[in-house]
Amino acid sequence: MDLEIPERFNAAVYFVDRNLQAGRGDKIAIRHEGRSYTYRDIAGLVNRWGNVLRGLGVEAERRIALLCLDSPEFVAGFFGAIRVGVVPIPLNTLLRPAEYEYLLNDSRARLLLVHRELWEPLTPLRDRCGFLRHVVVIGDVNPGAEITAGGNVIVWGRLRGVVHAGAGGDEEAVVCALDLAPTQLRIAGHIAVSPERRKDPGPEIARIREGQLIADTWKDSRQR
């Protein structure tokens, strides 16, 4: 049997796009927690995640870490990274904090995609993971929870807890959430209780502009 290996091969094209090209876009690809996701839905999530990585400046061949539950978000994070040439590193969800510290430093991962339920044990590790810049949290961050990163913080859900982006003094860092209403918002050395609330909550991005923390509509959250 002749096996033809293309000069260029992207696993996201083979496992995701190929199903659309074969006319299976409306077929169910994943069932998760009572909801069905079609191949078209998954392709949209994959493309969205690829856009997020590009928007954060994660370069091709850089590594990112995925600490995720079995979910569509894991699939999107894994194949979205591959689509834009980034190397995804799935982490075992049953490890201890010291083991996560070793893996994050050894891999030099620049970004961590993590489910909210798995974030708490990693909180003390921020100052000991020198290569990690950005944190993307899947799920709601409720009052009492705290997310800190040296770079950007993205919450794919409601942000109600405490968040600190640019913890090393980076005033270019941003905080993004699908619903932004933190108990306390901090970027570098700038602190606010909460940005001014919109009448209809929606995706927002908080950043420093002219020395003040402001929030605008987060348009990148809708990109596909």
N, C-alpha and C. Protein backbone atom coordinates (compact mmCIF):
# COMPACT_ATOMS: atom_id res chain seq x y z
N MET A 1 0.85 -1.19 0.00
CA MET A 1 0.00 0.00 0.00
C MET A 1 0.88 1.24 0.00
N ASP A 2 0.58 2.14 -0.92
CA ASP A 2 1.32 3.39 -1.00
C ASP A 2 0.76 4.38 0.01
N LEU A 3 1.64 4.97 0.79
CA LEU A 3 1.24 5.95 1.79
C LEU A 3 1.81 7.30 1.40
N GLU A 4 0.94 8.22 1.07
CA GLU A 4 1.37 9.55 0.67
C GLU A 4 1.33 10.48 1.88
N ILE A 5 2.47 11.02 2.22
CA ILE A 5 2.57 11.96 3.33
C ILE A 5 2.78 13.36 2.76
N PRO A 6 1.84 14.28 2.99
CA PRO A 6 1.99 15.62 2.43
C PRO A 6 3.17 16.36 3.07
N GLU A 7 3.72 17.28 2.32
CA GLU A 7 4.84 18.07 2.84
C GLU A 7 4.41 18.91 4.04
N ARG A 8 3.17 19.41 3.98
CA ARG A 8 2.62 20.17 5.09
C ARG A 8 1.35 19.48 5.58
N PHE A 9 1.26 19.27 6.89
CA PHE A 9 0.10 18.60 7.46
C PHE A 9 -0.31 19.31 8.74
N ASN A 10 -1.59 19.70 8.84
CA ASN A 10 -2.11 20.33 10.04
C ASN A 10 -3.23 19.45 10.58
N ALA A 11 -3.07 18.96 11.79
CA ALA A 11 -4.05 18.03 12.36
C ALA A 11 -5.43 18.66 12.49
N ALA A 12 -5.49 19.98 12.68
CA ALA A 12 -6.79 20.65 12.80
C ALA A 12 -7.56 20.57 11.48
N VAL A 13 -6.85 20.65 10.37
CA VAL A 13 -7.49 20.53 9.06
C VAL A 13 -8.04 19.12 8.88
N TYR A 14 -7.24 18.12 9.29
CA TYR A 14 -7.64 16.73 9.09
C TYR A 14 -8.82 16.35 9.98
N PHE A 15 -8.76 16.70 11.26
CA PHE A 15 -9.79 16.24 12.20
C PHE A 15 -11.01 17.16 12.27
N VAL A 16 -10.87 18.41 11.88
CA VAL A 16 -11.99 19.37 11.98
C VAL A 16 -12.49 19.76 10.60
N ASP A 17 -11.65 20.42 9.81
CA ASP A 17 -12.10 20.95 8.51
C ASP A 17 -12.54 19.84 7.56
N ARG A 18 -11.87 18.71 7.63
CA ARG A 18 -12.19 17.61 6.70
C ARG A 18 -13.64 17.18 6.83
N ASN A 19 -14.19 17.23 8.04
CA ASN A 19 -15.59 16.84 8.24
C ASN A 19 -16.54 17.86 7.61
N LEU A 20 -16.18 19.13 7.62
CA LEU A 20 -17.00 20.14 6.95
C LEU A 20 -16.95 19.93 5.44
N GLN A 21 -15.75 19.69 4.94
CA GLN A 21 -15.59 19.49 3.50
C GLN A 21 -16.32 18.25 3.01
N ALA A 22 -16.50 17.28 3.90
CA ALA A 22 -17.19 16.03 3.55
C ALA A 22 -18.70 16.15 3.72
N GLY A 23 -19.18 17.34 4.09
CA GLY A 23 -20.61 17.55 4.22
C GLY A 23 -21.19 17.13 5.56
N ARG A 24 -20.33 16.96 6.56
CA ARG A 24 -20.81 16.53 7.87
C ARG A 24 -20.95 17.68 8.87
N GLY A 25 -21.02 18.90 8.37
CA GLY A 25 -21.05 20.07 9.25
C GLY A 25 -22.18 20.06 10.26
N ASP A 26 -23.33 19.54 9.88
CA ASP A 26 -24.49 19.53 10.78
C ASP A 26 -24.64 18.23 11.55
N LYS A 27 -23.70 17.32 11.39
CA LYS A 27 -23.71 16.07 12.15
C LYS A 27 -23.17 16.33 13.56
N ILE A 28 -23.63 15.56 14.53
CA ILE A 28 -23.18 15.74 15.91
C ILE A 28 -21.76 15.19 16.07
N ALA A 29 -20.88 16.03 16.60
CA ALA A 29 -19.49 15.64 16.83
C ALA A 29 -19.26 15.29 18.30
N ILE A 30 -19.88 16.06 19.21
CA ILE A 30 -19.65 15.87 20.64
C ILE A 30 -20.97 16.06 21.38
N ARG A 31 -21.22 15.20 22.35
CA ARG A 31 -22.31 15.41 23.30
C ARG A 31 -21.68 15.65 24.67
N HIS A 32 -22.09 16.74 25.30
CA HIS A 32 -21.47 17.11 26.57
C HIS A 32 -22.48 17.78 27.48
N GLU A 33 -22.69 17.21 28.65
CA GLU A 33 -23.58 17.77 29.67
C GLU A 33 -24.95 18.16 29.10
N GLY A 34 -25.52 17.25 28.33
CA GLY A 34 -26.87 17.46 27.81
C GLY A 34 -26.96 18.31 26.57
N ARG A 35 -25.84 18.76 26.04
CA ARG A 35 -25.85 19.59 24.83
C ARG A 35 -25.10 18.89 23.71
N SER A 36 -25.59 19.05 22.50
CA SER A 36 -24.94 18.46 21.33
C SER A 36 -24.21 19.55 20.54
N TYR A 37 -23.00 19.24 20.11
CA TYR A 37 -22.18 20.16 19.31
C TYR A 37 -21.94 19.52 17.95
N THR A 38 -22.25 20.25 16.89
CA THR A 38 -22.00 19.74 15.55
C THR A 38 -20.55 20.00 15.16
N TYR A 39 -20.14 19.39 14.06
CA TYR A 39 -18.80 19.65 13.56
C TYR A 39 -18.63 21.14 13.22
N ARG A 40 -19.71 21.77 12.77
CA ARG A 40 -19.64 23.21 12.48
C ARG A 40 -19.45 24.01 13.76
N ASP A 41 -20.13 23.60 14.83
CA ASP A 41 -19.95 24.28 16.12
C ASP A 41 -18.51 24.17 16.59
N ILE A 42 -17.96 22.96 16.49
CA ILE A 42 -16.59 22.73 16.95
C ILE A 42 -15.61 23.53 16.10
N ALA A 43 -15.84 23.58 14.81
CA ALA A 43 -14.96 24.37 13.94
C ALA A 43 -14.97 25.84 14.34
N GLY A 44 -16.16 26.35 14.69
CA GLY A 44 -16.25 27.73 15.13
C GLY A 44 -15.48 27.98 16.41
N LEU A 45 -15.57 27.04 17.37
CA LEU A 45 -14.83 27.17 18.63
C LEU A 45 -13.32 27.08 18.38
N VAL A 46 -12.92 26.20 17.50
CA VAL A 46 -11.49 26.05 17.18
C VAL A 46 -10.95 27.34 16.58
N ASN A 47 -11.70 27.91 15.63
CA ASN A 47 -11.25 29.15 15.00
C ASN A 47 -11.21 30.30 16.00
N ARG A 48 -12.20 30.34 16.88
CA ARG A 48 -12.25 31.41 17.89
C ARG A 48 -11.03 31.33 18.79
N TRP A 49 -10.69 30.12 19.23
CA TRP A 49 -9.54 29.96 20.11
C TRP A 49 -8.23 30.31 19.39
N GLY A 50 -8.14 29.95 18.12
CA GLY A 50 -6.97 30.35 17.34
C GLY A 50 -6.84 31.86 17.28
N ASN A 51 -7.98 32.56 17.12
CA ASN A 51 -7.97 34.02 17.11
C ASN A 51 -7.51 34.59 18.45
N VAL A 52 -7.93 33.95 19.54
CA VAL A 52 -7.51 34.41 20.87
C VAL A 52 -5.99 34.31 21.00
N LEU A 53 -5.42 33.20 20.58
CA LEU A 53 -3.97 33.02 20.68
C LEU A 53 -3.23 34.05 19.84
N ARG A 54 -3.70 34.29 18.64
CA ARG A 54 -3.06 35.30 17.81
C ARG A 54 -3.18 36.68 18.43
N GLY A 55 -4.37 36.97 19.00
CA GLY A 55 -4.57 38.27 19.62
C GLY A 55 -3.68 38.50 20.81
N LEU A 56 -3.30 37.41 21.51
CA LEU A 56 -2.41 37.52 22.66
C LEU A 56 -0.94 37.51 22.26
N GLY A 57 -0.68 37.36 20.98
CA GLY A 57 0.70 37.39 20.51
C GLY A 57 1.47 36.11 20.75
N VAL A 58 0.76 34.97 20.93
CA VAL A 58 1.44 33.69 21.11
C VAL A 58 1.94 33.24 19.73
N GLU A 59 3.23 33.12 19.58
CA GLU A 59 3.84 32.85 18.29
C GLU A 59 3.82 31.35 17.95
N ALA A 60 3.92 31.08 16.66
CA ALA A 60 4.00 29.69 16.19
C ALA A 60 5.19 29.00 16.85
N GLU A 61 4.99 27.73 17.18
CA GLU A 61 5.97 26.85 17.81
C GLU A 61 6.16 27.12 19.29
N ARG A 62 5.48 28.14 19.84
CA ARG A 62 5.46 28.33 21.28
C ARG A 62 4.56 27.27 21.91
N ARG A 63 4.75 27.02 23.18
CA ARG A 63 3.94 26.01 23.87
C ARG A 63 2.90 26.68 24.77
N ILE A 64 1.74 26.04 24.86
CA ILE A 64 0.73 26.44 25.83
C ILE A 64 0.30 25.19 26.59
N ALA A 65 -0.16 25.38 27.81
CA ALA A 65 -0.60 24.25 28.63
C ALA A 65 -2.11 24.23 28.74
N LEU A 66 -2.69 23.04 28.72
CA LEU A 66 -4.13 22.86 28.84
C LEU A 66 -4.42 22.00 30.06
N LEU A 67 -5.06 22.59 31.05
CA LEU A 67 -5.50 21.85 32.23
C LEU A 67 -7.02 21.90 32.22
N CYS A 68 -7.61 20.97 31.51
CA CYS A 68 -9.04 21.03 31.21
C CYS A 68 -9.74 19.73 31.55
N LEU A 69 -11.01 19.86 31.87
CA LEU A 69 -11.88 18.70 31.97
C LEU A 69 -12.23 18.23 30.56
N ASP A 70 -12.75 17.00 30.44
CA ASP A 70 -13.21 16.53 29.13
C ASP A 70 -14.37 17.41 28.70
N SER A 71 -14.19 18.16 27.62
CA SER A 71 -15.18 19.17 27.26
C SER A 71 -14.92 19.68 25.85
N PRO A 72 -15.91 20.36 25.24
CA PRO A 72 -15.68 20.99 23.94
C PRO A 72 -14.57 22.05 24.00
N GLU A 73 -14.41 22.70 25.17
CA GLU A 73 -13.37 23.72 25.30
C GLU A 73 -11.98 23.11 25.18
N PHE A 74 -11.82 21.89 25.71
CA PHE A 74 -10.54 21.22 25.56
C PHE A 74 -10.26 20.95 24.08
N VAL A 75 -11.26 20.44 23.37
CA VAL A 75 -11.10 20.16 21.93
C VAL A 75 -10.75 21.45 21.19
N ALA A 76 -11.47 22.54 21.52
CA ALA A 76 -11.21 23.82 20.85
C ALA A 76 -9.81 24.33 21.16
N GLY A 77 -9.40 24.23 22.43
CA GLY A 77 -8.07 24.69 22.80
C GLY A 77 -6.97 23.89 22.14
N PHE A 78 -7.15 22.58 22.08
CA PHE A 78 -6.13 21.70 21.50
C PHE A 78 -5.97 21.95 20.00
N PHE A 79 -7.09 21.86 19.27
CA PHE A 79 -7.00 22.01 17.81
C PHE A 79 -6.86 23.47 17.39
N GLY A 80 -7.37 24.41 18.20
CA GLY A 80 -7.19 25.83 17.89
C GLY A 80 -5.73 26.21 17.95
N ALA A 81 -5.00 25.65 18.92
CA ALA A 81 -3.56 25.91 19.01
C ALA A 81 -2.84 25.32 17.81
N ILE A 82 -3.17 24.08 17.47
CA ILE A 82 -2.51 23.44 16.33
C ILE A 82 -2.79 24.20 15.04
N ARG A 83 -4.01 24.72 14.90
CA ARG A 83 -4.35 25.44 13.68
C ARG A 83 -3.40 26.61 13.42
N VAL A 84 -3.01 27.32 14.48
CA VAL A 84 -2.15 28.50 14.29
C VAL A 84 -0.69 28.19 14.58
N GLY A 85 -0.34 26.91 14.63
CA GLY A 85 1.05 26.53 14.74
C GLY A 85 1.61 26.53 16.14
N VAL A 86 0.74 26.64 17.14
CA VAL A 86 1.17 26.62 18.54
C VAL A 86 1.11 25.17 19.05
N VAL A 87 1.98 24.83 19.99
CA VAL A 87 2.08 23.46 20.49
C VAL A 87 1.27 23.33 21.79
N PRO A 88 0.16 22.56 21.77
CA PRO A 88 -0.63 22.37 23.00
C PRO A 88 -0.07 21.24 23.84
N ILE A 89 -0.02 21.44 25.16
CA ILE A 89 0.45 20.41 26.09
C ILE A 89 -0.66 20.10 27.08
N PRO A 90 -1.41 19.02 26.87
CA PRO A 90 -2.46 18.64 27.83
C PRO A 90 -1.83 18.14 29.13
N LEU A 91 -2.34 18.62 30.25
CA LEU A 91 -1.84 18.21 31.57
C LEU A 91 -2.86 17.31 32.26
N ASN A 92 -2.37 16.32 32.96
CA ASN A 92 -3.21 15.42 33.75
C ASN A 92 -3.91 16.22 34.85
N THR A 93 -5.20 16.07 34.99
CA THR A 93 -5.96 16.84 35.98
C THR A 93 -5.80 16.33 37.41
N LEU A 94 -5.08 15.22 37.61
CA LEU A 94 -4.96 14.61 38.93
C LEU A 94 -3.59 14.82 39.57
N LEU A 95 -2.78 15.71 39.00
CA LEU A 95 -1.44 15.93 39.54
C LEU A 95 -1.47 16.85 40.75
N ARG A 96 -0.34 16.92 41.44
CA ARG A 96 -0.19 17.80 42.59
C ARG A 96 0.43 19.12 42.16
N PRO A 97 0.26 20.19 42.95
CA PRO A 97 0.81 21.51 42.57
C PRO A 97 2.29 21.48 42.20
N ALA A 98 3.10 20.73 42.95
CA ALA A 98 4.54 20.68 42.65
C ALA A 98 4.79 20.08 41.27
N GLU A 99 3.97 19.14 40.87
CA GLU A 99 4.13 18.52 39.56
C GLU A 99 3.71 19.49 38.45
N TYR A 100 2.65 20.27 38.69
CA TYR A 100 2.26 21.30 37.72
C TYR A 100 3.37 22.34 37.58
N GLU A 101 3.95 22.72 38.71
CA GLU A 101 5.04 23.70 38.67
C GLU A 101 6.18 23.20 37.80
N TYR A 102 6.57 21.93 37.98
CA TYR A 102 7.65 21.36 37.17
C TYR A 102 7.29 21.37 35.68
N LEU A 103 6.08 20.92 35.35
CA LEU A 103 5.69 20.81 33.94
C LEU A 103 5.57 22.17 33.28
N LEU A 104 5.02 23.15 33.99
CA LEU A 104 4.88 24.48 33.41
C LEU A 104 6.24 25.11 33.15
N ASN A 105 7.18 24.90 34.06
CA ASN A 105 8.51 25.46 33.88
C ASN A 105 9.32 24.69 32.85
N ASP A 106 9.21 23.36 32.89
CA ASP A 106 9.97 22.54 31.95
C ASP A 106 9.51 22.76 30.52
N SER A 107 8.21 22.94 30.32
CA SER A 107 7.67 23.15 28.96
C SER A 107 7.82 24.59 28.49
N ARG A 108 8.07 25.50 29.45
CA ARG A 108 8.13 26.94 29.16
C ARG A 108 6.83 27.44 28.52
N ALA A 109 5.72 26.89 28.98
CA ALA A 109 4.42 27.30 28.43
C ALA A 109 4.19 28.78 28.68
N ARG A 110 3.73 29.48 27.64
CA ARG A 110 3.47 30.91 27.75
C ARG A 110 2.06 31.21 28.21
N LEU A 111 1.16 30.25 28.04
CA LEU A 111 -0.24 30.46 28.36
C LEU A 111 -0.81 29.19 28.98
N LEU A 112 -1.73 29.39 29.91
CA LEU A 112 -2.43 28.26 30.53
C LEU A 112 -3.92 28.41 30.29
N LEU A 113 -4.52 27.38 29.67
CA LEU A 113 -5.97 27.28 29.53
C LEU A 113 -6.45 26.33 30.61
N VAL A 114 -7.30 26.80 31.53
CA VAL A 114 -7.64 26.01 32.70
C VAL A 114 -9.11 26.15 33.04
N HIS A 115 -9.74 25.04 33.38
CA HIS A 115 -11.12 25.10 33.88
C HIS A 115 -11.12 25.69 35.29
N ARG A 116 -12.13 26.46 35.57
CA ARG A 116 -12.22 27.14 36.86
C ARG A 116 -12.07 26.16 38.03
N GLU A 117 -12.67 24.99 37.90
CA GLU A 117 -12.63 24.02 38.98
C GLU A 117 -11.22 23.54 39.30
N LEU A 118 -10.30 23.71 38.34
CA LEU A 118 -8.94 23.19 38.51
C LEU A 118 -7.92 24.28 38.81
N TRP A 119 -8.37 25.53 38.89
CA TRP A 119 -7.44 26.65 39.04
C TRP A 119 -6.89 26.79 40.45
N GLU A 120 -7.70 26.55 41.47
CA GLU A 120 -7.33 26.88 42.85
C GLU A 120 -5.97 26.32 43.28
N PRO A 121 -5.65 25.05 43.00
CA PRO A 121 -4.33 24.53 43.43
C PRO A 121 -3.16 25.23 42.77
N LEU A 122 -3.40 25.93 41.65
CA LEU A 122 -2.31 26.59 40.93
C LEU A 122 -2.04 28.00 41.44
N THR A 123 -2.94 28.54 42.24
CA THR A 123 -2.82 29.93 42.68
C THR A 123 -1.46 30.25 43.30
N PRO A 124 -0.89 29.40 44.17
CA PRO A 124 0.41 29.74 44.78
C PRO A 124 1.59 29.64 43.82
N LEU A 125 1.37 29.11 42.62
CA LEU A 125 2.48 28.85 41.71
C LEU A 125 2.87 30.03 40.83
N ARG A 126 2.07 31.09 40.83
CA ARG A 126 2.30 32.17 39.86
C ARG A 126 3.72 32.70 39.91
N ASP A 127 4.24 32.96 41.08
CA ASP A 127 5.57 33.55 41.21
C ASP A 127 6.68 32.55 40.95
N ARG A 128 6.31 31.26 40.80
CA ARG A 128 7.33 30.23 40.60
C ARG A 128 7.32 29.67 39.18
N CYS A 129 6.46 30.24 38.32
CA CYS A 129 6.39 29.82 36.91
C CYS A 129 6.76 31.01 36.04
N GLY A 130 8.06 31.18 35.85
CA GLY A 130 8.56 32.40 35.23
C GLY A 130 8.23 32.57 33.76
N PHE A 131 7.92 31.48 33.06
CA PHE A 131 7.64 31.59 31.63
C PHE A 131 6.16 31.85 31.34
N LEU A 132 5.30 31.54 32.31
CA LEU A 132 3.86 31.66 32.10
C LEU A 132 3.44 33.13 32.12
N ARG A 133 2.77 33.57 31.03
CA ARG A 133 2.38 34.97 30.91
C ARG A 133 0.87 35.17 31.01
N HIS A 134 0.10 34.34 30.32
CA HIS A 134 -1.33 34.56 30.20
C HIS A 134 -2.12 33.41 30.81
N VAL A 135 -3.27 33.75 31.39
CA VAL A 135 -4.16 32.73 31.96
C VAL A 135 -5.55 32.90 31.34
N VAL A 136 -6.09 31.80 30.81
CA VAL A 136 -7.44 31.79 30.26
C VAL A 136 -8.25 30.81 31.10
N VAL A 137 -9.30 31.32 31.76
CA VAL A 137 -10.12 30.50 32.65
C VAL A 137 -11.45 30.17 31.98
N ILE A 138 -11.81 28.90 31.96
CA ILE A 138 -13.08 28.46 31.41
C ILE A 138 -14.07 28.32 32.55
N GLY A 139 -15.15 29.09 32.49
CA GLY A 139 -16.15 29.02 33.54
C GLY A 139 -16.20 30.30 34.35
N ASP A 140 -17.14 30.37 35.27
CA ASP A 140 -17.36 31.57 36.08
C ASP A 140 -16.35 31.67 37.22
N VAL A 141 -15.86 32.88 37.44
CA VAL A 141 -14.99 33.16 38.59
C VAL A 141 -15.85 33.91 39.61
N ASN A 142 -16.23 33.24 40.66
CA ASN A 142 -17.20 33.78 41.60
C ASN A 142 -16.54 34.56 42.74
N PRO A 143 -17.32 35.34 43.49
CA PRO A 143 -16.76 36.07 44.63
C PRO A 143 -16.00 35.14 45.57
N GLY A 144 -14.83 35.61 46.00
CA GLY A 144 -13.98 34.79 46.85
C GLY A 144 -12.84 34.15 46.09
N ALA A 145 -12.98 34.00 44.77
CA ALA A 145 -11.92 33.43 43.94
C ALA A 145 -11.02 34.54 43.43
N GLU A 146 -9.77 34.20 43.14
CA GLU A 146 -8.79 35.19 42.67
C GLU A 146 -7.98 34.60 41.53
N ILE A 147 -7.81 35.40 40.46
CA ILE A 147 -7.01 35.01 39.30
C ILE A 147 -5.91 36.05 39.13
N THR A 148 -4.67 35.60 39.04
CA THR A 148 -3.53 36.50 38.88
C THR A 148 -2.64 35.98 37.76
N ALA A 149 -2.12 36.91 36.93
CA ALA A 149 -1.21 36.54 35.85
C ALA A 149 -0.25 37.69 35.58
N GLY A 150 0.93 37.34 35.10
CA GLY A 150 1.90 38.37 34.74
C GLY A 150 1.52 39.11 33.48
N GLY A 151 0.70 38.47 32.63
CA GLY A 151 0.23 39.09 31.40
C GLY A 151 -1.27 39.29 31.45
N ASN A 152 -1.97 38.79 30.41
CA ASN A 152 -3.41 38.98 30.29
C ASN A 152 -4.19 37.90 31.04
N VAL A 153 -5.41 38.26 31.43
CA VAL A 153 -6.34 37.30 32.02
C VAL A 153 -7.61 37.31 31.18
N ILE A 154 -8.04 36.14 30.74
CA ILE A 154 -9.28 36.00 29.99
C ILE A 154 -10.17 35.02 30.73
N VAL A 155 -11.41 35.41 30.97
CA VAL A 155 -12.37 34.55 31.65
C VAL A 155 -13.50 34.24 30.67
N TRP A 156 -13.59 32.96 30.27
CA TRP A 156 -14.65 32.55 29.34
C TRP A 156 -15.89 32.22 30.17
N GLY A 157 -16.46 33.29 30.77
CA GLY A 157 -17.60 33.15 31.65
C GLY A 157 -17.81 34.46 32.40
N ARG A 158 -18.48 34.39 33.55
CA ARG A 158 -18.72 35.58 34.37
C ARG A 158 -17.55 35.79 35.33
N LEU A 159 -17.10 37.04 35.41
CA LEU A 159 -16.03 37.39 36.34
C LEU A 159 -16.61 38.18 37.50
N ARG A 160 -16.68 37.54 38.67
CA ARG A 160 -17.22 38.17 39.87
C ARG A 160 -16.20 38.25 41.00
N GLY A 161 -15.07 37.57 40.85
CA GLY A 161 -14.07 37.54 41.90
C GLY A 161 -13.03 38.64 41.74
N VAL A 162 -11.85 38.40 42.28
CA VAL A 162 -10.73 39.35 42.21
C VAL A 162 -9.81 38.93 41.07
N VAL A 163 -9.37 39.89 40.27
CA VAL A 163 -8.49 39.60 39.15
C VAL A 163 -7.35 40.61 39.12
N HIS A 164 -6.14 40.10 38.85
CA HIS A 164 -4.95 40.96 38.75
C HIS A 164 -4.17 40.54 37.52
N ALA A 165 -4.19 41.36 36.49
CA ALA A 165 -3.41 41.13 35.28
C ALA A 165 -2.18 42.04 35.31
N GLY A 166 -1.15 41.66 34.56
CA GLY A 166 0.07 42.47 34.57
C GLY A 166 0.68 42.56 35.95
N ALA A 167 0.68 41.44 36.67
CA ALA A 167 1.10 41.46 38.08
C ALA A 167 2.56 41.88 38.25
N GLY A 168 3.36 41.76 37.20
CA GLY A 168 4.76 42.19 37.28
C GLY A 168 4.96 43.64 36.91
N GLY A 169 3.85 44.37 36.69
CA GLY A 169 3.95 45.78 36.33
C GLY A 169 3.66 46.09 34.88
N ASP A 170 3.15 45.11 34.13
CA ASP A 170 2.86 45.30 32.70
C ASP A 170 1.56 46.07 32.52
N GLU A 171 1.66 47.34 32.17
CA GLU A 171 0.46 48.17 31.99
C GLU A 171 -0.21 47.95 30.64
N GLU A 172 0.39 47.12 29.78
CA GLU A 172 -0.24 46.77 28.50
C GLU A 172 -1.17 45.57 28.65
N ALA A 173 -1.15 44.93 29.80
CA ALA A 173 -2.00 43.76 30.02
C ALA A 173 -3.47 44.15 30.03
N VAL A 174 -4.33 43.16 29.73
CA VAL A 174 -5.77 43.40 29.70
C VAL A 174 -6.48 42.30 30.47
N VAL A 175 -7.73 42.59 30.84
CA VAL A 175 -8.63 41.60 31.44
C VAL A 175 -9.87 41.51 30.56
N CYS A 176 -10.21 40.31 30.12
CA CYS A 176 -11.39 40.10 29.28
C CYS A 176 -12.32 39.10 29.94
N ALA A 177 -13.62 39.31 29.78
CA ALA A 177 -14.60 38.36 30.31
C ALA A 177 -15.88 38.48 29.52
N LEU A 178 -16.63 37.38 29.47
CA LEU A 178 -17.93 37.43 28.79
C LEU A 178 -18.94 38.25 29.58
N ASP A 179 -18.70 38.39 30.88
CA ASP A 179 -19.52 39.27 31.74
C ASP A 179 -18.58 39.79 32.82
N LEU A 180 -18.22 41.07 32.73
CA LEU A 180 -17.16 41.64 33.56
C LEU A 180 -17.74 42.46 34.71
N ALA A 181 -17.71 41.89 35.91
CA ALA A 181 -18.19 42.59 37.10
C ALA A 181 -17.41 42.11 38.32
N PRO A 182 -16.08 42.31 38.34
CA PRO A 182 -15.25 41.76 39.40
C PRO A 182 -15.44 42.47 40.74
N THR A 183 -15.14 41.74 41.81
CA THR A 183 -15.11 42.35 43.12
C THR A 183 -14.02 43.41 43.17
N GLN A 184 -12.86 43.07 42.60
CA GLN A 184 -11.76 44.02 42.45
C GLN A 184 -11.02 43.73 41.15
N LEU A 185 -10.72 44.76 40.41
CA LEU A 185 -10.00 44.64 39.15
C LEU A 185 -8.68 45.39 39.27
N ARG A 186 -7.58 44.70 38.94
CA ARG A 186 -6.27 45.33 39.03
C ARG A 186 -5.45 44.99 37.80
N ILE A 187 -4.85 46.01 37.20
CA ILE A 187 -3.90 45.82 36.11
C ILE A 187 -2.64 46.57 36.49
N ALA A 188 -1.53 45.85 36.57
CA ALA A 188 -0.28 46.41 37.08
C ALA A 188 -0.55 47.03 38.45
N GLY A 189 -0.30 48.33 38.62
CA GLY A 189 -0.54 48.96 39.91
C GLY A 189 -1.84 49.73 39.99
N HIS A 190 -2.70 49.61 38.96
CA HIS A 190 -3.97 50.34 38.92
C HIS A 190 -5.09 49.44 39.44
N ILE A 191 -5.89 49.98 40.36
CA ILE A 191 -6.94 49.20 41.01
C ILE A 191 -8.29 49.89 40.86
N ALA A 192 -9.32 49.09 40.60
CA ALA A 192 -10.70 49.60 40.57
C ALA A 192 -11.60 48.55 41.19
N VAL A 193 -12.68 48.99 41.80
CA VAL A 193 -13.64 48.04 42.37
C VAL A 193 -14.33 47.29 41.25
N SER A 194 -14.78 48.02 40.23
CA SER A 194 -15.40 47.40 39.07
C SER A 194 -15.59 48.48 38.01
N PRO A 195 -15.38 48.14 36.72
CA PRO A 195 -15.69 49.11 35.68
C PRO A 195 -17.18 49.44 35.69
N GLU A 196 -17.52 50.57 35.12
CA GLU A 196 -18.93 50.96 35.06
C GLU A 196 -19.73 49.91 34.32
N ARG A 197 -20.84 49.45 34.91
CA ARG A 197 -21.64 48.37 34.35
C ARG A 197 -22.47 48.86 33.17
N ARG A 198 -22.55 48.02 32.14
CA ARG A 198 -23.43 48.29 31.02
C ARG A 198 -24.84 47.84 31.38
N LYS A 199 -25.84 48.42 30.73
CA LYS A 199 -27.22 48.04 31.00
C LYS A 199 -27.44 46.58 30.66
N ASP A 200 -26.90 46.14 29.54
CA ASP A 200 -27.01 44.74 29.13
C ASP A 200 -25.62 44.12 29.18
N PRO A 201 -25.32 43.30 30.21
CA PRO A 201 -23.98 42.71 30.33
C PRO A 201 -23.60 41.94 29.08
N GLY A 202 -22.35 42.07 28.69
CA GLY A 202 -21.84 41.38 27.52
C GLY A 202 -20.33 41.30 27.60
N PRO A 203 -19.69 40.71 26.61
CA PRO A 203 -18.23 40.58 26.62
C PRO A 203 -17.56 41.95 26.70
N GLU A 204 -16.63 42.11 27.63
CA GLU A 204 -15.92 43.37 27.81
C GLU A 204 -14.43 43.13 28.01
N ILE A 205 -13.65 44.14 27.70
CA ILE A 205 -12.21 44.11 27.90
C ILE A 205 -11.82 45.34 28.71
N ALA A 206 -11.07 45.12 29.79
CA ALA A 206 -10.60 46.21 30.64
C ALA A 206 -9.12 46.43 30.38
N ARG A 207 -8.73 47.69 30.27
CA ARG A 207 -7.33 48.03 30.02
C ARG A 207 -7.03 49.39 30.63
N ILE A 208 -5.77 49.73 30.66
CA ILE A 208 -5.36 51.05 31.13
C ILE A 208 -5.29 52.00 29.95
N ARG A 209 -5.96 53.12 30.08
CA ARG A 209 -5.92 54.15 29.03
C ARG A 209 -5.78 55.51 29.71
N GLU A 210 -4.71 56.21 29.35
CA GLU A 210 -4.44 57.52 29.92
C GLU A 210 -4.44 57.49 31.45
N GLY A 211 -3.85 56.41 31.98
CA GLY A 211 -3.69 56.31 33.41
C GLY A 211 -4.90 55.85 34.18
N GLN A 212 -5.97 55.47 33.47
CA GLN A 212 -7.18 55.02 34.15
C GLN A 212 -7.64 53.67 33.61
N LEU A 213 -8.28 52.89 34.47
CA LEU A 213 -8.86 51.63 34.05
C LEU A 213 -10.20 51.87 33.38
N ILE A 214 -10.35 51.39 32.16
CA ILE A 214 -11.61 51.57 31.43
C ILE A 214 -12.02 50.21 30.84
N ALA A 215 -13.30 50.08 30.55
CA ALA A 215 -13.83 48.84 29.96
C ALA A 215 -14.54 49.17 28.66
N ASP A 216 -14.28 48.38 27.63
CA ASP A 216 -14.92 48.53 26.32
C ASP A 216 -15.52 47.19 25.91
N THR A 217 -16.33 47.21 24.88
CA THR A 217 -16.86 45.97 24.32
C THR A 217 -15.71 45.11 23.79
N TRP A 218 -15.74 43.83 24.13
CA TRP A 218 -14.70 42.91 23.69
C TRP A 218 -15.16 42.24 22.40
N LYS A 219 -14.75 42.79 21.29
CA LYS A 219 -15.20 42.30 20.00
C LYS A 219 -14.56 40.97 19.62
N ASP A 220 -13.33 40.72 20.07
CA ASP A 220 -12.64 39.49 19.70
C ASP A 220 -13.36 38.25 20.18
N SER A 221 -14.21 38.38 21.20
CA SER A 221 -14.89 37.21 21.74
C SER A 221 -15.87 36.62 20.75
N ARG A 222 -16.26 37.38 19.74
CA ARG A 222 -17.27 36.90 18.77
C ARG A 222 -16.63 36.45 17.46
N GLN A 223 -15.31 36.59 17.35
CA GLN A 223 -14.65 36.21 16.12
C GLN A 223 -14.70 34.70 15.91
N ARG A 224 -14.86 34.33 14.65
CA ARG A 224 -14.85 32.91 14.31
C ARG A 224 -13.99 32.70 13.07
